[in-house]
Amino acid sequence: MSGYLLVRANGSQYGLPIGEVIEVVDDAVSEPVPGGQRAVRGVVKVRGQMMPVVHLDALLNDRTPPEEGSGTIVVTRCGDRRVAFEVDDADVVVRDAPIPAPAGSALPWASGLARYDEALIPILDVELLGERLATGNGGAA
């Protein structure tokens, strides 16, 4: 299925490929994990399955998540596992095909771009972000 879910994280917009999105959960409460990677807020149980909660902006910009969580997570498929990305809000599903990212662009974590409301929004490569988390590189992708 073509399209993407537009989300906001720390004032920036990103797109998540709709084919990788399982669900959006509001009011999610994560449990902290001591010694976790910097962008990982903790873990959460969704429909009986435990998964990491990764603050999307913290992961993309190599920073620590804000002290207060938003409570909104987007559960995604990252290869054979699920990851919950914490966002400020999930805004809209757009059913357009993404525009390929320009060659040599400074968007190593993006698989393409979306044009929405006159803005170009990076569409994140969820598989790449999942691999970064799996290898312990929780910094910028």
C-alpha atoms as a PDB file:
ATOM      1  CA  MET A   1       0.000   0.000   0.000  1.00  0.00           C
ATOM      2  CA  SER A   2       1.392   3.359  -0.982  1.00  0.00           C
ATOM      3  CA  GLY A   3       1.303   6.357   1.278  1.00  0.00           C
ATOM      4  CA  TYR A   4       2.597   7.622   4.576  1.00  0.00           C
ATOM      5  CA  LEU A   5       1.491   8.768   7.999  1.00  0.00           C
ATOM      6  CA  LEU A   6       2.533  12.329   8.771  1.00  0.00           C
ATOM      7  CA  VAL A   7       3.715  12.798  12.338  1.00  0.00           C
ATOM      8  CA  ARG A   8       5.122  15.697  14.329  1.00  0.00           C
ATOM      9  CA  ALA A   9       8.055  15.348  16.700  1.00  0.00           C
ATOM     10  CA  ASN A  10       9.563  18.337  18.494  1.00  0.00           C
ATOM     11  CA  GLY A  11       8.162  20.774  15.940  1.00  0.00           C
ATOM     12  CA  SER A  12       9.344  18.878  12.854  1.00  0.00           C
ATOM     13  CA  GLN A  13       7.211  16.846  10.462  1.00  0.00           C
ATOM     14  CA  TYR A  14       8.139  13.382   9.249  1.00  0.00           C
ATOM     15  CA  GLY A  15       6.407  10.698   7.249  1.00  0.00           C
ATOM     16  CA  LEU A  16       6.290   7.028   8.158  1.00  0.00           C
ATOM     17  CA  PRO A  17       5.512   4.568   5.331  1.00  0.00           C
ATOM     18  CA  ILE A  18       1.943   3.409   5.895  1.00  0.00           C
ATOM     19  CA  GLY A  19       2.906  -0.157   5.017  1.00  0.00           C
ATOM     20  CA  GLU A  20       5.170  -0.231   8.107  1.00  0.00           C
ATOM     21  CA  VAL A  21       2.657   1.365  10.502  1.00  0.00           C
ATOM     22  CA  ILE A  22       0.702  -1.086  12.635  1.00  0.00           C
ATOM     23  CA  GLU A  23      -1.217   1.360  14.816  1.00  0.00           C
ATOM     24  CA  VAL A  24      -1.199   4.693  16.613  1.00  0.00           C
ATOM     25  CA  VAL A  25      -1.703   4.610  20.382  1.00  0.00           C
ATOM     26  CA  ASP A  26      -2.610   7.660  22.444  1.00  0.00           C
ATOM     27  CA  ASP A  27      -2.015   7.745  26.198  1.00  0.00           C
ATOM     28  CA  ALA A  28       0.712   5.090  26.085  1.00  0.00           C
ATOM     29  CA  VAL A  29       2.743   4.818  29.274  1.00  0.00           C
ATOM     30  CA  SER A  30       6.255   3.476  28.922  1.00  0.00           C
ATOM     31  CA  GLU A  31       8.360   1.950  31.657  1.00  0.00           C
ATOM     32  CA  PRO A  32      11.950   3.231  31.879  1.00  0.00           C
ATOM     33  CA  VAL A  33      14.807   0.908  31.021  1.00  0.00           C
ATOM     34  CA  PRO A  34      18.047   1.610  32.920  1.00  0.00           C
ATOM     35  CA  GLY A  35      21.145   1.784  30.780  1.00  0.00           C
ATOM     36  CA  GLY A  36      19.184   1.982  27.540  1.00  0.00           C
ATOM     37  CA  GLN A  37      20.280   3.875  24.478  1.00  0.00           C
ATOM     38  CA  ARG A  38      19.896   7.627  24.705  1.00  0.00           C
ATOM     39  CA  ALA A  39      16.844   7.897  22.382  1.00  0.00           C
ATOM     40  CA  VAL A  40      15.037   4.964  24.014  1.00  0.00           C
ATOM     41  CA  ARG A  41      12.522   6.189  26.551  1.00  0.00           C
ATOM     42  CA  GLY A  42      11.678   2.695  27.794  1.00  0.00           C
ATOM     43  CA  VAL A  43       9.388  -0.183  26.906  1.00  0.00           C
ATOM     44  CA  VAL A  44       5.636  -0.464  26.477  1.00  0.00           C
ATOM     45  CA  LYS A  45       3.231  -3.366  26.226  1.00  0.00           C
ATOM     46  CA  VAL A  46       0.816  -3.084  23.285  1.00  0.00           C
ATOM     47  CA  ARG A  47      -1.685  -5.874  22.665  1.00  0.00           C
ATOM     48  CA  GLY A  48       0.355  -8.241  24.819  1.00  0.00           C
ATOM     49  CA  GLN A  49       3.694  -7.558  23.115  1.00  0.00           C
ATOM     50  CA  MET A  50       6.596  -5.674  24.741  1.00  0.00           C
ATOM     51  CA  MET A  51       8.498  -3.271  22.515  1.00  0.00           C
ATOM     52  CA  PRO A  52      10.937  -0.383  22.886  1.00  0.00           C
ATOM     53  CA  VAL A  53       9.642   3.184  22.915  1.00  0.00           C
ATOM     54  CA  VAL A  54      12.019   5.395  20.946  1.00  0.00           C
ATOM     55  CA  HIS A  55      11.599   9.158  20.957  1.00  0.00           C
ATOM     56  CA  LEU A  56      11.677   9.916  17.225  1.00  0.00           C
ATOM     57  CA  ASP A  57      13.219  13.388  17.426  1.00  0.00           C
ATOM     58  CA  ALA A  58      15.855  12.249  19.930  1.00  0.00           C
ATOM     59  CA  LEU A  59      16.862   9.389  17.619  1.00  0.00           C
ATOM     60  CA  LEU A  60      17.079  11.542  14.492  1.00  0.00           C
ATOM     61  CA  ASN A  61      18.924  14.405  16.179  1.00  0.00           C
ATOM     62  CA  ASP A  62      21.162  12.479  18.592  1.00  0.00           C
ATOM     63  CA  ARG A  63      19.750  13.929  21.789  1.00  0.00           C
ATOM     64  CA  THR A  64      18.053  12.867  24.989  1.00  0.00           C
ATOM     65  CA  PRO A  65      14.237  12.755  24.935  1.00  0.00           C
ATOM     66  CA  PRO A  66      12.401  15.484  26.827  1.00  0.00           C
ATOM     67  CA  GLU A  67      11.648  14.642  30.438  1.00  0.00           C
ATOM     68  CA  GLU A  68       7.886  14.421  29.862  1.00  0.00           C
ATOM     69  CA  GLY A  69       6.595  11.925  27.327  1.00  0.00           C
ATOM     70  CA  SER A  70       3.818  12.822  24.902  1.00  0.00           C
ATOM     71  CA  GLY A  71       1.945   9.547  25.357  1.00  0.00           C
ATOM     72  CA  THR A  72       1.478   9.173  21.587  1.00  0.00           C
ATOM     73  CA  ILE A  73       3.305   6.302  19.930  1.00  0.00           C
ATOM     74  CA  VAL A  74       3.295   4.914  16.414  1.00  0.00           C
ATOM     75  CA  VAL A  75       3.853   1.152  16.434  1.00  0.00           C
ATOM     76  CA  THR A  76       5.854   0.147  13.364  1.00  0.00           C
ATOM     77  CA  ARG A  77       7.343  -2.946  11.775  1.00  0.00           C
ATOM     78  CA  CYS A  78      11.140  -2.805  11.796  1.00  0.00           C
ATOM     79  CA  GLY A  79      12.130  -6.013  10.065  1.00  0.00           C
ATOM     80  CA  ASP A  80      10.991  -8.884  12.265  1.00  0.00           C
ATOM     81  CA  ARG A  81      10.367  -6.750  15.345  1.00  0.00           C
ATOM     82  CA  ARG A  82       8.093  -3.928  16.407  1.00  0.00           C
ATOM     83  CA  VAL A  83       9.221  -0.528  17.592  1.00  0.00           C
ATOM     84  CA  ALA A  84       7.045   2.222  19.081  1.00  0.00           C
ATOM     85  CA  PHE A  85       8.166   5.672  17.979  1.00  0.00           C
ATOM     86  CA  GLU A  86       7.084   8.423  20.377  1.00  0.00           C
ATOM     87  CA  VAL A  87       5.797  11.487  18.547  1.00  0.00           C
ATOM     88  CA  ASP A  88       3.947  14.647  19.545  1.00  0.00           C
ATOM     89  CA  ASP A  89       1.036  13.787  17.282  1.00  0.00           C
ATOM     90  CA  ALA A  90       0.029  11.720  14.271  1.00  0.00           C
ATOM     91  CA  ASP A  91      -1.647  14.127  11.875  1.00  0.00           C
ATOM     92  CA  VAL A  92      -2.902  12.569   8.650  1.00  0.00           C
ATOM     93  CA  VAL A  93      -2.508   9.653   6.252  1.00  0.00           C
ATOM     94  CA  VAL A  94      -1.492  10.770   2.767  1.00  0.00           C
ATOM     95  CA  ARG A  95      -1.997   8.272  -0.064  1.00  0.00           C
ATOM     96  CA  ASP A  96       0.580   9.694  -2.503  1.00  0.00           C
ATOM     97  CA  ALA A  97       3.800   8.022  -3.558  1.00  0.00           C
ATOM     98  CA  PRO A  98       6.892   9.683  -2.077  1.00  0.00           C
ATOM     99  CA  ILE A  99       9.331  11.673  -4.191  1.00  0.00           C
ATOM    100  CA  PRO A 100      12.809  10.076  -4.291  1.00  0.00           C
ATOM    101  CA  ALA A 101      15.362  11.844  -2.086  1.00  0.00           C
ATOM    102  CA  PRO A 102      17.849  13.807  -4.203  1.00  0.00           C
ATOM    103  CA  ALA A 103      21.213  12.104  -4.761  1.00  0.00           C
ATOM    104  CA  GLY A 104      23.792  13.353  -2.278  1.00  0.00           C
ATOM    105  CA  SER A 105      21.161  14.780   0.054  1.00  0.00           C
ATOM    106  CA  ALA A 106      21.843  15.138   3.759  1.00  0.00           C
ATOM    107  CA  LEU A 107      18.954  12.817   4.637  1.00  0.00           C
ATOM    108  CA  PRO A 108      20.611   9.442   5.322  1.00  0.00           C
ATOM    109  CA  TRP A 109      17.599   8.191   7.302  1.00  0.00           C
ATOM    110  CA  ALA A 110      15.020   9.174   4.675  1.00  0.00           C
ATOM    111  CA  SER A 111      13.770   6.972   1.851  1.00  0.00           C
ATOM    112  CA  GLY A 112      12.105   9.868   0.052  1.00  0.00           C
ATOM    113  CA  LEU A 113      10.195  13.093   0.419  1.00  0.00           C
ATOM    114  CA  ALA A 114       6.518  13.959   0.599  1.00  0.00           C
ATOM    115  CA  ARG A 115       4.981  17.148  -0.686  1.00  0.00           C
ATOM    116  CA  TYR A 116       2.193  18.194   1.651  1.00  0.00           C
ATOM    117  CA  ASP A 117       0.735  21.680   2.180  1.00  0.00           C
ATOM    118  CA  GLU A 118       3.552  23.206   0.100  1.00  0.00           C
ATOM    119  CA  ALA A 119       6.232  21.656   2.329  1.00  0.00           C
ATOM    120  CA  LEU A 120       8.702  18.861   1.612  1.00  0.00           C
ATOM    121  CA  ILE A 121       8.622  16.323   4.431  1.00  0.00           C
ATOM    122  CA  PRO A 122      11.167  13.500   4.813  1.00  0.00           C
ATOM    123  CA  ILE A 123       9.725   9.993   4.661  1.00  0.00           C
ATOM    124  CA  LEU A 124      11.694   7.922   7.154  1.00  0.00           C
ATOM    125  CA  ASP A 125      13.276   4.585   6.318  1.00  0.00           C
ATOM    126  CA  VAL A 126      11.847   2.626   9.248  1.00  0.00           C
ATOM    127  CA  GLU A 127      13.936  -0.445   8.412  1.00  0.00           C
ATOM    128  CA  LEU A 128      17.149   1.610   8.626  1.00  0.00           C
ATOM    129  CA  LEU A 129      16.102   3.165  11.928  1.00  0.00           C
ATOM    130  CA  GLY A 130      15.319  -0.312  13.292  1.00  0.00           C
ATOM    131  CA  GLU A 131      18.745  -1.585  12.216  1.00  0.00           C
ATOM    132  CA  ARG A 132      20.421   1.341  13.950  1.00  0.00           C
ATOM    133  CA  LEU A 133      18.594   0.516  17.157  1.00  0.00           C
ATOM    134  CA  ALA A 134      19.391  -3.198  16.879  1.00  0.00           C
ATOM    135  CA  THR A 135      23.121  -2.526  16.500  1.00  0.00           C
ATOM    136  CA  GLY A 136      23.187  -0.250  19.530  1.00  0.00           C
ATOM    137  CA  ASN A 137      23.686   2.974  17.574  1.00  0.00           C
ATOM    138  CA  GLY A 138      20.857   4.970  19.130  1.00  0.00           C
ATOM    139  CA  GLY A 139      22.305   8.269  17.975  1.00  0.00           C
ATOM    140  CA  ALA A 140      21.550  10.130  14.773  1.00  0.00           C
ATOM    141  CA  ALA A 141      20.718   7.887  11.874  1.00  0.00           C
END
